C-alpha atoms as a PDB file:
ATOM      1  CA  MET A   1     -11.728   6.137 -16.750  1.00  0.00           C
ATOM      2  CA  LEU A   2     -14.702   3.710 -15.888  1.00  0.00           C
ATOM      3  CA  ARG A   3     -14.639   0.515 -14.237  1.00  0.00           C
ATOM      4  CA  ASP A   4     -16.020  -1.371 -16.778  1.00  0.00           C
ATOM      5  CA  GLU A   5     -13.435   0.766 -19.515  1.00  0.00           C
ATOM      6  CA  ARG A   6     -10.642  -0.769 -17.517  1.00  0.00           C
ATOM      7  CA  PHE A   7     -11.378  -4.244 -17.734  1.00  0.00           C
ATOM      8  CA  ASP A   8     -12.760  -4.039 -21.074  1.00  0.00           C
ATOM      9  CA  LYS A   9      -9.819  -2.164 -22.476  1.00  0.00           C
ATOM     10  CA  ALA A  10      -7.949  -4.834 -20.897  1.00  0.00           C
ATOM     11  CA  GLU A  11      -9.837  -7.923 -22.197  1.00  0.00           C
ATOM     12  CA  ARG A  12      -9.399  -5.941 -25.408  1.00  0.00           C
ATOM     13  CA  ILE A  13      -5.932  -6.353 -25.498  1.00  0.00           C
ATOM     14  CA  ILE A  14      -5.328  -9.106 -24.297  1.00  0.00           C
ATOM     15  CA  THR A  15      -7.621 -10.999 -26.589  1.00  0.00           C
ATOM     16  CA  ILE A  16      -5.746  -9.541 -29.885  1.00  0.00           C
ATOM     17  CA  GLY A  17      -2.767 -11.167 -28.263  1.00  0.00           C
ATOM     18  CA  PHE A  18      -4.473 -14.460 -27.530  1.00  0.00           C
ATOM     19  CA  TRP A  19      -5.364 -14.393 -31.465  1.00  0.00           C
ATOM     20  CA  ILE A  20      -2.001 -13.370 -33.012  1.00  0.00           C
ATOM     21  CA  ASN A  21       0.004 -15.761 -30.732  1.00  0.00           C
ATOM     22  CA  ALA A  22      -2.518 -18.236 -32.665  1.00  0.00           C
ATOM     23  CA  VAL A  23      -1.087 -17.114 -35.861  1.00  0.00           C
ATOM     24  CA  LEU A  24       2.901 -16.784 -34.692  1.00  0.00           C
ATOM     25  CA  MET A  25       2.009 -20.925 -33.404  1.00  0.00           C
ATOM     26  CA  ALA A  26       0.457 -22.023 -36.663  1.00  0.00           C
ATOM     27  CA  MET A  27       3.444 -20.248 -38.648  1.00  0.00           C
ATOM     28  CA  LYS A  28       6.162 -21.673 -36.218  1.00  0.00           C
ATOM     29  CA  LEU A  29       5.411 -25.270 -36.231  1.00  0.00           C
ATOM     30  CA  ALA A  30       4.944 -25.061 -40.088  1.00  0.00           C
ATOM     31  CA  ALA A  31       8.488 -23.242 -40.406  1.00  0.00           C
ATOM     32  CA  GLY A  32       9.725 -25.524 -38.283  1.00  0.00           C
ATOM     33  CA  HIS A  33       8.574 -28.695 -40.104  1.00  0.00           C
ATOM     34  CA  TRP A  34       9.734 -27.446 -43.581  1.00  0.00           C
ATOM     35  CA  GLY A  35      12.022 -25.391 -42.550  1.00  0.00           C
ATOM     36  CA  HIS A  36      14.300 -28.562 -40.658  1.00  0.00           C
ATOM     37  CA  SER A  37      14.404 -26.581 -37.814  1.00  0.00           C
ATOM     38  CA  GLU A  38      14.185 -27.890 -34.562  1.00  0.00           C
ATOM     39  CA  ALA A  39      14.271 -24.747 -32.825  1.00  0.00           C
ATOM     40  CA  VAL A  40      12.116 -22.837 -34.322  1.00  0.00           C
ATOM     41  CA  PHE A  41       9.786 -25.764 -34.326  1.00  0.00           C
ATOM     42  CA  ALA A  42      10.400 -25.930 -30.334  1.00  0.00           C
ATOM     43  CA  ASP A  43       9.438 -22.170 -30.461  1.00  0.00           C
ATOM     44  CA  GLY A  44       6.026 -23.385 -31.947  1.00  0.00           C
ATOM     45  CA  ILE A  45       5.234 -25.356 -28.960  1.00  0.00           C
ATOM     46  CA  GLU A  46       6.318 -23.142 -26.458  1.00  0.00           C
ATOM     47  CA  SER A  47       3.413 -20.653 -28.180  1.00  0.00           C
ATOM     48  CA  GLY A  48       0.734 -23.079 -27.769  1.00  0.00           C
ATOM     49  CA  CYS A  49       2.015 -23.229 -23.915  1.00  0.00           C
ATOM     50  CA  ASP A  50       1.199 -19.766 -24.278  1.00  0.00           C
ATOM     51  CA  PHE A  51      -2.453 -20.582 -25.304  1.00  0.00           C
ATOM     52  CA  VAL A  52      -3.501 -21.968 -21.750  1.00  0.00           C
ATOM     53  CA  ALA A  53      -1.719 -19.003 -19.974  1.00  0.00           C
ATOM     54  CA  ILE A  54      -3.748 -16.017 -21.622  1.00  0.00           C
ATOM     55  CA  PHE A  55      -6.802 -18.403 -21.683  1.00  0.00           C
ATOM     56  CA  THR A  56      -6.375 -18.358 -18.349  1.00  0.00           C
ATOM     57  CA  THR A  57      -5.959 -14.570 -17.976  1.00  0.00           C
ATOM     58  CA  LEU A  58      -9.053 -13.774 -19.844  1.00  0.00           C
ATOM     59  CA  PHE A  59     -10.895 -16.037 -17.462  1.00  0.00           C
ATOM     60  CA  ALA A  60      -9.476 -14.609 -14.697  1.00  0.00           C
ATOM     61  CA  LEU A  61      -9.753 -10.873 -15.878  1.00  0.00           C
ATOM     62  CA  ARG A  62     -13.616 -11.385 -16.765  1.00  0.00           C
ATOM     63  CA  MET A  63     -14.335 -13.198 -12.972  1.00  0.00           C
ATOM     64  CA  GLY A  64     -12.372 -10.070 -11.736  1.00  0.00           C
ATOM     65  CA  ARG A  65     -14.703  -7.638 -13.021  1.00  0.00           C
ATOM     66  CA  GLN A  66     -17.522  -8.806 -11.363  1.00  0.00           C
ATOM     67  CA  ARG A  67     -18.615  -6.926  -8.257  1.00  0.00           C
ATOM     68  CA  PHE A  68     -18.393  -7.719  -4.804  1.00  0.00           C
ATOM     69  CA  ASP A  69     -21.218 -10.279  -3.289  1.00  0.00           C
ATOM     70  CA  GLU A  70     -21.766 -11.511   0.230  1.00  0.00           C
ATOM     71  CA  ARG A  71     -19.075 -14.499  -0.225  1.00  0.00           C
ATOM     72  CA  HIS A  72     -16.496 -12.073  -1.801  1.00  0.00           C
ATOM     73  CA  PRO A  73     -17.028  -8.825  -0.322  1.00  0.00           C
ATOM     74  CA  TYR A  74     -13.660  -7.420  -0.991  1.00  0.00           C
ATOM     75  CA  GLY A  75     -14.558  -7.809  -4.867  1.00  0.00           C
ATOM     76  CA  HIS A  76     -13.049 -10.579  -7.319  1.00  0.00           C
ATOM     77  CA  GLY A  77      -9.858  -8.860  -8.029  1.00  0.00           C
ATOM     78  CA  LYS A  78      -7.353 -12.017  -6.444  1.00  0.00           C
ATOM     79  CA  ALA A  79      -8.354 -13.922 -10.045  1.00  0.00           C
ATOM     80  CA  GLU A  80      -5.708 -11.405 -11.771  1.00  0.00           C
ATOM     81  CA  SER A  81      -2.833 -12.201  -9.506  1.00  0.00           C
ATOM     82  CA  LEU A  82      -4.108 -15.984  -9.139  1.00  0.00           C
ATOM     83  CA  ALA A  83      -3.529 -15.370 -13.533  1.00  0.00           C
ATOM     84  CA  ALA A  84      -0.565 -14.170 -13.027  1.00  0.00           C
ATOM     85  CA  ALA A  85       1.018 -16.530 -10.773  1.00  0.00           C
ATOM     86  CA  VAL A  86       0.026 -19.372 -13.371  1.00  0.00           C
ATOM     87  CA  VAL A  87       1.576 -17.444 -15.973  1.00  0.00           C
ATOM     88  CA  ALA A  88       4.600 -17.055 -14.245  1.00  0.00           C
ATOM     89  CA  LEU A  89       4.871 -20.728 -13.525  1.00  0.00           C
ATOM     90  CA  LEU A  90       3.979 -21.450 -17.270  1.00  0.00           C
ATOM     91  CA  ILE A  91       6.848 -19.062 -17.810  1.00  0.00           C
ATOM     92  CA  ILE A  92       9.472 -20.762 -15.364  1.00  0.00           C
ATOM     93  CA  GLY A  93       7.935 -24.312 -16.980  1.00  0.00           C
ATOM     94  CA  THR A  94       9.120 -22.847 -20.653  1.00  0.00           C
ATOM     95  CA  GLY A  95      12.350 -22.250 -19.345  1.00  0.00           C
ATOM     96  CA  LEU A  96      13.325 -25.304 -17.601  1.00  0.00           C
ATOM     97  CA  TRP A  97      12.193 -27.047 -20.958  1.00  0.00           C
ATOM     98  CA  ILE A  98      14.457 -25.319 -22.965  1.00  0.00           C
ATOM     99  CA  LEU A  99      17.436 -25.359 -20.867  1.00  0.00           C
ATOM    100  CA  VAL A 100      16.682 -28.992 -20.692  1.00  0.00           C
ATOM    101  CA  GLU A 101      16.460 -29.592 -24.501  1.00  0.00           C
ATOM    102  CA  SER A 102      19.639 -27.400 -25.241  1.00  0.00           C
ATOM    103  CA  VAL A 103      21.406 -29.524 -22.701  1.00  0.00           C
ATOM    104  CA  GLN A 104      20.304 -33.116 -24.468  1.00  0.00           C
ATOM    105  CA  ILE A 105      21.040 -31.428 -28.523  1.00  0.00           C
ATOM    106  CA  ILE A 106      24.509 -30.346 -27.503  1.00  0.00           C
ATOM    107  CA  LEU A 107      25.544 -33.673 -25.174  1.00  0.00           C
ATOM    108  CA  GLN A 108      23.443 -35.826 -28.146  1.00  0.00           C
ATOM    109  CA  HIS A 109      25.104 -33.214 -31.070  1.00  0.00           C
ATOM    110  CA  ARG A 110      21.480 -33.333 -32.745  1.00  0.00           C
ATOM    111  CA  TYR A 111      22.296 -30.335 -35.168  1.00  0.00           C
ATOM    112  CA  GLN A 112      20.376 -29.321 -37.674  1.00  0.00           C
ATOM    113  CA  SER A 113      20.832 -27.216 -40.782  1.00  0.00           C
ATOM    114  CA  PRO A 114      17.634 -24.765 -41.016  1.00  0.00           C
ATOM    115  CA  GLY A 115      16.451 -23.255 -44.007  1.00  0.00           C
ATOM    116  CA  LEU A 116      15.655 -19.820 -45.197  1.00  0.00           C
ATOM    117  CA  ILE A 117      12.014 -19.477 -43.754  1.00  0.00           C
ATOM    118  CA  ALA A 118      12.671 -20.719 -40.338  1.00  0.00           C
ATOM    119  CA  ILE A 119      14.957 -17.741 -40.104  1.00  0.00           C
ATOM    120  CA  VAL A 120      12.218 -15.257 -41.789  1.00  0.00           C
ATOM    121  CA  ALA A 121       9.578 -17.188 -39.097  1.00  0.00           C
ATOM    122  CA  ALA A 122      11.801 -16.056 -36.080  1.00  0.00           C
ATOM    123  CA  THR A 123      12.525 -12.392 -36.941  1.00  0.00           C
ATOM    124  CA  VAL A 124       8.743 -12.179 -37.405  1.00  0.00           C
ATOM    125  CA  THR A 125       8.124 -13.611 -33.900  1.00  0.00           C
ATOM    126  CA  ILE A 126      10.469 -11.025 -32.703  1.00  0.00           C
ATOM    127  CA  VAL A 127       8.928  -7.970 -33.960  1.00  0.00           C
ATOM    128  CA  ILE A 128       5.639  -8.881 -33.608  1.00  0.00           C
ATOM    129  CA  LYS A 129       6.003 -10.070 -29.506  1.00  0.00           C
ATOM    130  CA  GLU A 130       7.735  -6.769 -28.916  1.00  0.00           C
ATOM    131  CA  LEU A 131       5.657  -4.574 -30.494  1.00  0.00           C
ATOM    132  CA  LEU A 132       2.848  -6.781 -28.379  1.00  0.00           C
ATOM    133  CA  TYR A 133       5.030  -6.835 -25.197  1.00  0.00           C
ATOM    134  CA  ARG A 134       5.427  -2.799 -25.052  1.00  0.00           C
ATOM    135  CA  TRP A 135       1.700  -2.199 -25.886  1.00  0.00           C
ATOM    136  CA  SER A 136       0.572  -4.210 -23.220  1.00  0.00           C
ATOM    137  CA  MET A 137       3.127  -3.172 -20.495  1.00  0.00           C
ATOM    138  CA  LYS A 138       1.843   0.044 -20.811  1.00  0.00           C
ATOM    139  CA  THR A 139      -1.834  -0.261 -20.974  1.00  0.00           C
ATOM    140  CA  GLY A 140      -1.091  -2.990 -18.284  1.00  0.00           C
ATOM    141  CA  SER A 141       1.133  -0.349 -16.294  1.00  0.00           C
ATOM    142  CA  SER A 142      -1.751   2.693 -16.764  1.00  0.00           C
ATOM    143  CA  LEU A 143      -4.196  -0.062 -14.777  1.00  0.00           C
ATOM    144  CA  GLY A 144      -2.252  -1.433 -12.707  1.00  0.00           C
ATOM    145  CA  SER A 145      -3.531  -5.155 -14.120  1.00  0.00           C
ATOM    146  CA  PRO A 146      -1.608  -7.675 -12.934  1.00  0.00           C
ATOM    147  CA  ALA A 147      -2.924 -10.006 -15.605  1.00  0.00           C
ATOM    148  CA  LEU A 148      -1.866  -8.011 -18.181  1.00  0.00           C
ATOM    149  CA  MET A 149       1.524  -6.889 -17.261  1.00  0.00           C
ATOM    150  CA  ALA A 150       1.818 -10.359 -16.759  1.00  0.00           C
ATOM    151  CA  VAL A 151       0.659 -11.510 -20.031  1.00  0.00           C
ATOM    152  CA  ALA A 152       2.843  -8.669 -21.178  1.00  0.00           C
ATOM    153  CA  LYS A 153       6.032 -10.224 -19.695  1.00  0.00           C
ATOM    154  CA  ASP A 154       5.104 -13.094 -21.684  1.00  0.00           C
ATOM    155  CA  HIS A 155       5.001 -11.866 -24.548  1.00  0.00           C
ATOM    156  CA  ARG A 156       8.873 -10.841 -23.968  1.00  0.00           C
ATOM    157  CA  LYS A 157       9.466 -14.013 -23.010  1.00  0.00           C
ATOM    158  CA  ASP A 158       8.996 -15.321 -26.067  1.00  0.00           C
ATOM    159  CA  ALA A 159      10.363 -12.421 -28.112  1.00  0.00           C
ATOM    160  CA  VAL A 160      14.059 -13.118 -26.218  1.00  0.00           C
ATOM    161  CA  THR A 161      12.933 -16.938 -26.846  1.00  0.00           C
ATOM    162  CA  SER A 162      13.049 -16.573 -30.251  1.00  0.00           C
ATOM    163  CA  VAL A 163      16.019 -13.737 -30.212  1.00  0.00           C
ATOM    164  CA  SER A 164      18.297 -17.077 -29.208  1.00  0.00           C
ATOM    165  CA  THR A 165      16.127 -19.395 -32.047  1.00  0.00           C
ATOM    166  CA  LEU A 166      17.314 -16.540 -34.639  1.00  0.00           C
ATOM    167  CA  VAL A 167      20.945 -16.475 -33.075  1.00  0.00           C
ATOM    168  CA  GLY A 168      20.878 -20.509 -33.113  1.00  0.00           C
ATOM    169  CA  VAL A 169      19.007 -20.941 -36.788  1.00  0.00           C
ATOM    170  CA  VAL A 170      21.446 -17.937 -38.547  1.00  0.00           C
ATOM    171  CA  GLY A 171      24.755 -19.613 -36.906  1.00  0.00           C
ATOM    172  CA  ALA A 172      23.583 -22.882 -37.872  1.00  0.00           C
ATOM    173  CA  TRP A 173      22.713 -21.746 -41.695  1.00  0.00           C
ATOM    174  CA  PHE A 174      26.117 -20.676 -41.331  1.00  0.00           C
ATOM    175  CA  GLY A 175      27.300 -24.023 -40.522  1.00  0.00           C
ATOM    176  CA  TYR A 176      27.594 -23.588 -36.760  1.00  0.00           C
ATOM    177  CA  GLY A 177      24.956 -26.281 -35.656  1.00  0.00           C
ATOM    178  CA  ILE A 178      26.016 -25.771 -31.785  1.00  0.00           C
ATOM    179  CA  MET A 179      24.745 -22.192 -31.796  1.00  0.00           C
ATOM    180  CA  ASP A 180      21.453 -23.053 -31.883  1.00  0.00           C
ATOM    181  CA  PRO A 181      21.080 -24.965 -28.616  1.00  0.00           C
ATOM    182  CA  LEU A 182      23.901 -22.614 -26.713  1.00  0.00           C
ATOM    183  CA  ALA A 183      21.949 -19.916 -28.199  1.00  0.00           C
ATOM    184  CA  ALA A 184      18.605 -21.397 -26.455  1.00  0.00           C
ATOM    185  CA  GLY A 185      19.884 -22.081 -23.422  1.00  0.00           C
ATOM    186  CA  LEU A 186      21.709 -18.776 -22.348  1.00  0.00           C
ATOM    187  CA  THR A 187      18.185 -17.197 -22.820  1.00  0.00           C
ATOM    188  CA  ALA A 188      16.679 -19.921 -20.724  1.00  0.00           C
ATOM    189  CA  PHE A 189      17.672 -18.418 -17.786  1.00  0.00           C
ATOM    190  CA  PHE A 190      16.320 -14.980 -18.639  1.00  0.00           C
ATOM    191  CA  ILE A 191      12.885 -16.716 -19.072  1.00  0.00           C
ATOM    192  CA  LEU A 192      13.758 -17.981 -15.635  1.00  0.00           C
ATOM    193  CA  HIS A 193      14.448 -14.221 -14.451  1.00  0.00           C
ATOM    194  CA  ILE A 194      11.172 -12.544 -16.277  1.00  0.00           C
ATOM    195  CA  GLY A 195       8.989 -16.298 -14.346  1.00  0.00           C
ATOM    196  CA  TRP A 196      10.387 -15.692 -11.044  1.00  0.00           C
ATOM    197  CA  GLU A 197      10.004 -11.837 -11.417  1.00  0.00           C
ATOM    198  CA  THR A 198       6.262 -12.158 -11.708  1.00  0.00           C
ATOM    199  CA  MET A 199       5.559 -15.165  -9.555  1.00  0.00           C
ATOM    200  CA  SER A 200       7.070 -12.807  -7.320  1.00  0.00           C
ATOM    201  CA  GLY A 201       4.446  -9.568  -7.692  1.00  0.00           C
ATOM    202  CA  ALA A 202       1.702 -12.310  -7.967  1.00  0.00           C
ATOM    203  CA  ALA A 203       2.967 -14.247  -4.364  1.00  0.00           C
ATOM    204  CA  HIS A 204       2.966 -10.204  -3.001  1.00  0.00           C
ATOM    205  CA  ASP A 205      -0.469  -9.524  -4.011  1.00  0.00           C
ATOM    206  CA  LEU A 206      -1.877 -12.580  -2.710  1.00  0.00           C
ATOM    207  CA  MET A 207      -0.597 -12.330   0.286  1.00  0.00           C
ATOM    208  CA  ASP A 208      -1.952  -8.670   0.445  1.00  0.00           C
ATOM    209  CA  GLY A 209       1.454  -7.224   0.289  1.00  0.00           C
ATOM    210  CA  ALA A 210       1.793  -3.068   0.889  1.00  0.00           C
ATOM    211  CA  ALA A 211       1.416  -0.627  -1.933  1.00  0.00           C
ATOM    212  CA  PRO A 212       4.468   1.335  -3.081  1.00  0.00           C
ATOM    213  CA  ASP A 213       5.347   3.556  -0.239  1.00  0.00           C
ATOM    214  CA  GLU A 214       4.955   6.682  -2.593  1.00  0.00           C
ATOM    215  CA  PHE A 215       1.391   5.196  -3.031  1.00  0.00           C
ATOM    216  CA  ASN A 216       0.770   5.760   0.939  1.00  0.00           C
ATOM    217  CA  ARG A 217       2.356   8.917   0.990  1.00  0.00           C
ATOM    218  CA  ALA A 218      -0.253  10.421  -1.536  1.00  0.00           C
ATOM    219  CA  VAL A 219      -3.321   9.169   0.121  1.00  0.00           C
ATOM    220  CA  ALA A 220      -1.710  10.909   3.692  1.00  0.00           C
ATOM    221  CA  GLU A 221      -1.404  13.757   2.255  1.00  0.00           C
ATOM    222  CA  LEU A 222      -4.574  13.768   0.295  1.00  0.00           C
ATOM    223  CA  ALA A 223      -5.950  12.492   3.745  1.00  0.00           C
ATOM    224  CA  ALA A 224      -4.258  15.331   6.083  1.00  0.00           C
ATOM    225  CA  GLY A 225      -5.499  18.220   3.594  1.00  0.00           C
ATOM    226  CA  VAL A 226      -9.151  17.754   4.275  1.00  0.00           C
ATOM    227  CA  GLU A 227     -10.600  20.278   6.871  1.00  0.00           C
ATOM    228  CA  HIS A 228     -10.846  18.942  10.965  1.00  0.00           C
ATOM    229  CA  VAL A 229      -8.378  16.585   9.841  1.00  0.00           C
ATOM    230  CA  GLU A 230      -5.685  16.739  12.569  1.00  0.00           C
ATOM    231  CA  HIS A 231      -3.574  13.975  11.832  1.00  0.00           C
ATOM    232  CA  VAL A 232      -3.557  10.349   9.515  1.00  0.00           C
ATOM    233  CA  HIS A 233      -1.498   7.226  10.386  1.00  0.00           C
ATOM    234  CA  GLU A 234      -1.801   3.534  10.387  1.00  0.00           C
ATOM    235  CA  ILE A 235      -2.213   3.373   6.512  1.00  0.00           C
ATOM    236  CA  ARG A 236      -2.699   0.085   5.191  1.00  0.00           C
ATOM    237  CA  THR A 237      -3.047  -0.832   1.553  1.00  0.00           C
ATOM    238  CA  ARG A 238      -3.276  -4.154  -0.467  1.00  0.00           C
ATOM    239  CA  ARG A 239      -4.083  -4.512  -4.061  1.00  0.00           C
ATOM    240  CA  SER A 240      -7.235  -6.584  -5.384  1.00  0.00           C
ATOM    241  CA  GLY A 241      -6.777  -6.718  -9.130  1.00  0.00           C
ATOM    242  CA  GLN A 242      -6.553  -3.774 -11.110  1.00  0.00           C
ATOM    243  CA  TYR A 243      -7.533  -1.675  -7.717  1.00  0.00           C
ATOM    244  CA  TYR A 244      -6.203  -1.258  -3.824  1.00  0.00           C
ATOM    245  CA  ILE A 245      -7.946  -1.740  -0.749  1.00  0.00           C
ATOM    246  CA  VAL A 246      -7.004   1.538   1.389  1.00  0.00           C
ATOM    247  CA  ASP A 247      -7.134   1.291   5.280  1.00  0.00           C
ATOM    248  CA  LEU A 248      -6.475   4.583   7.572  1.00  0.00           C
ATOM    249  CA  LYS A 249      -7.078   6.376  11.003  1.00  0.00           C
ATOM    250  CA  LEU A 250      -7.558   9.629  11.230  1.00  0.00           C
ATOM    251  CA  ASP A 251      -7.536  11.818  14.625  1.00  0.00           C
ATOM    252  CA  MET A 252     -10.030  14.267  15.026  1.00  0.00           C
ATOM    253  CA  ASP A 253     -11.320  16.749  17.344  1.00  0.00           C
ATOM    254  CA  PRO A 254     -13.188  15.195  20.489  1.00  0.00           C
ATOM    255  CA  GLU A 255     -15.953  17.405  20.672  1.00  0.00           C
ATOM    256  CA  MET A 256     -17.172  16.854  17.094  1.00  0.00           C
ATOM    257  CA  THR A 257     -20.257  14.820  17.316  1.00  0.00           C
ATOM    258  CA  VAL A 258     -20.524  11.608  15.272  1.00  0.00           C
ATOM    259  CA  LYS A 259     -22.624  12.708  12.186  1.00  0.00           C
ATOM    260  CA  GLN A 260     -19.685  15.425  12.066  1.00  0.00           C
ATOM    261  CA  SER A 261     -16.556  13.612  12.050  1.00  0.00           C
ATOM    262  CA  HIS A 262     -18.416  11.188   9.491  1.00  0.00           C
ATOM    263  CA  ASP A 263     -19.035  13.954   7.150  1.00  0.00           C
ATOM    264  CA  VAL A 264     -15.059  14.358   7.504  1.00  0.00           C
ATOM    265  CA  ALA A 265     -14.560  10.240   6.904  1.00  0.00           C
ATOM    266  CA  THR A 266     -16.773  10.967   3.904  1.00  0.00           C
ATOM    267  CA  ALA A 267     -15.193  14.026   2.412  1.00  0.00           C
ATOM    268  CA  VAL A 268     -11.689  11.975   2.924  1.00  0.00           C
ATOM    269  CA  LYS A 269     -12.649   9.009   1.096  1.00  0.00           C
ATOM    270  CA  ARG A 270     -14.649  10.884  -1.977  1.00  0.00           C
ATOM    271  CA  LEU A 271     -11.466  12.639  -2.273  1.00  0.00           C
ATOM    272  CA  ILE A 272      -9.431   9.696  -2.384  1.00  0.00           C
ATOM    273  CA  PHE A 273     -11.548   8.439  -4.932  1.00  0.00           C
ATOM    274  CA  ASP A 274     -11.591  11.497  -7.481  1.00  0.00           C
ATOM    275  CA  ARG A 275      -7.875  11.955  -7.348  1.00  0.00           C
ATOM    276  CA  MET A 276      -7.035   8.397  -7.106  1.00  0.00           C
ATOM    277  CA  HIS A 277      -8.774   6.313 -10.204  1.00  0.00           C
ATOM    278  CA  ASN A 278      -6.915   2.705  -8.897  1.00  0.00           C
ATOM    279  CA  VAL A 279      -8.583   2.713  -5.085  1.00  0.00           C
ATOM    280  CA  GLY A 280     -11.462   0.154  -4.924  1.00  0.00           C
ATOM    281  CA  ASP A 281     -12.497   1.074  -1.121  1.00  0.00           C
ATOM    282  CA  VAL A 282     -11.226   3.252   1.729  1.00  0.00           C
ATOM    283  CA  MET A 283     -11.807   2.224   5.195  1.00  0.00           C
ATOM    284  CA  ILE A 284     -11.844   5.170   7.614  1.00  0.00           C
ATOM    285  CA  HIS A 285     -11.118   4.578  11.352  1.00  0.00           C
ATOM    286  CA  VAL A 286     -11.257   7.898  13.215  1.00  0.00           C
ATOM    287  CA  ASN A 287      -9.565   8.442  16.834  1.00  0.00           C
ATOM    288  CA  PRO A 288      -9.664  11.343  19.236  1.00  0.00           C
ATOM    289  CA  HIS A 289      -6.945  13.085  18.419  1.00  0.00           C
ATOM    290  CA  ASP A 290      -5.773  14.415  22.063  1.00  0.00           C
ATOM    291  CA  GLU A 291      -5.695  10.597  23.684  1.00  0.00           C
ATOM    292  CA  GLU A 292      -3.399   8.189  23.575  1.00  0.00           C
ATOM    293  CA  HIS A 293      -5.421   5.141  21.799  1.00  0.00           C
ATOM    294  CA  GLU A 294      -3.691   1.216  21.372  1.00  0.00           C
ATOM    295  CA  ASP A 295      -4.231  -0.266  18.362  1.00  0.00           C
ATOM    296  CA  LEU A 296      -6.309  -3.747  19.338  1.00  0.00           C
ATOM    297  CA  ILE A 297      -5.008  -6.897  16.427  1.00  0.00           C
ATOM    298  CA  ARG A 298      -4.121 -10.324  16.503  1.00  0.00           C
ATOM    299  CA  LEU A 299      -1.997 -10.593  13.447  1.00  0.00           C
END
């Protein structure tokens, strides 16, 4: 898949989710108000917070698709990880808000008797948000897009929140008003877990954390298979948005000319690009294979 196609696909899915979220927000606010359900109304307010998250993600995605320049020689891909961190904070904030609100409702005995429209709104939200999660997560995983995967987890968070809302509303429908805040409180912990996972992944990428071991092994196997490469070592990888940046060292015959070793390194880079479409750049250092060499580094 071409570079622009990757970004277009991610942006299209996020934009669709943005407008669907707008419709769901309006529906839940109306259903919560006319259906006398504080839980559904709160769910609608929470969807309003998602606007900030999704809008931030769209902005970051458009920034991240810009090519490298003099001030950003490694591209703008980190913008996606920054957006993922913002989404994670909003997810965590939502979880804490729902937890505090649930405790207050229980302590103050503010139970309500909801209408059927509230049950319908919660059910529709669960179905639509779960479908959006699966679609976004599948595409986000295939593209390796931190921003799209963060938005996908935000959709799952909404689905889970609406499950608790539905359980509580149905319970209150049958006269057990305390079920509403109890279900919401238990779900808040799951939402906090989703937020923590999203933040951990974003922080890992922002701090140039290494790619998965299987990815590094695949790079090493490709490079080692090129003629005249004696050994591959010291592979370093880091994520920049939808792409990985790869650094590796190749041991070659010390009798080779600079031109010959350069051609081999170029062949290695071209092979990695051809086989691994989520690699954005490959930087190669050549060493003589029959001499010990020390890696000079200050990190």
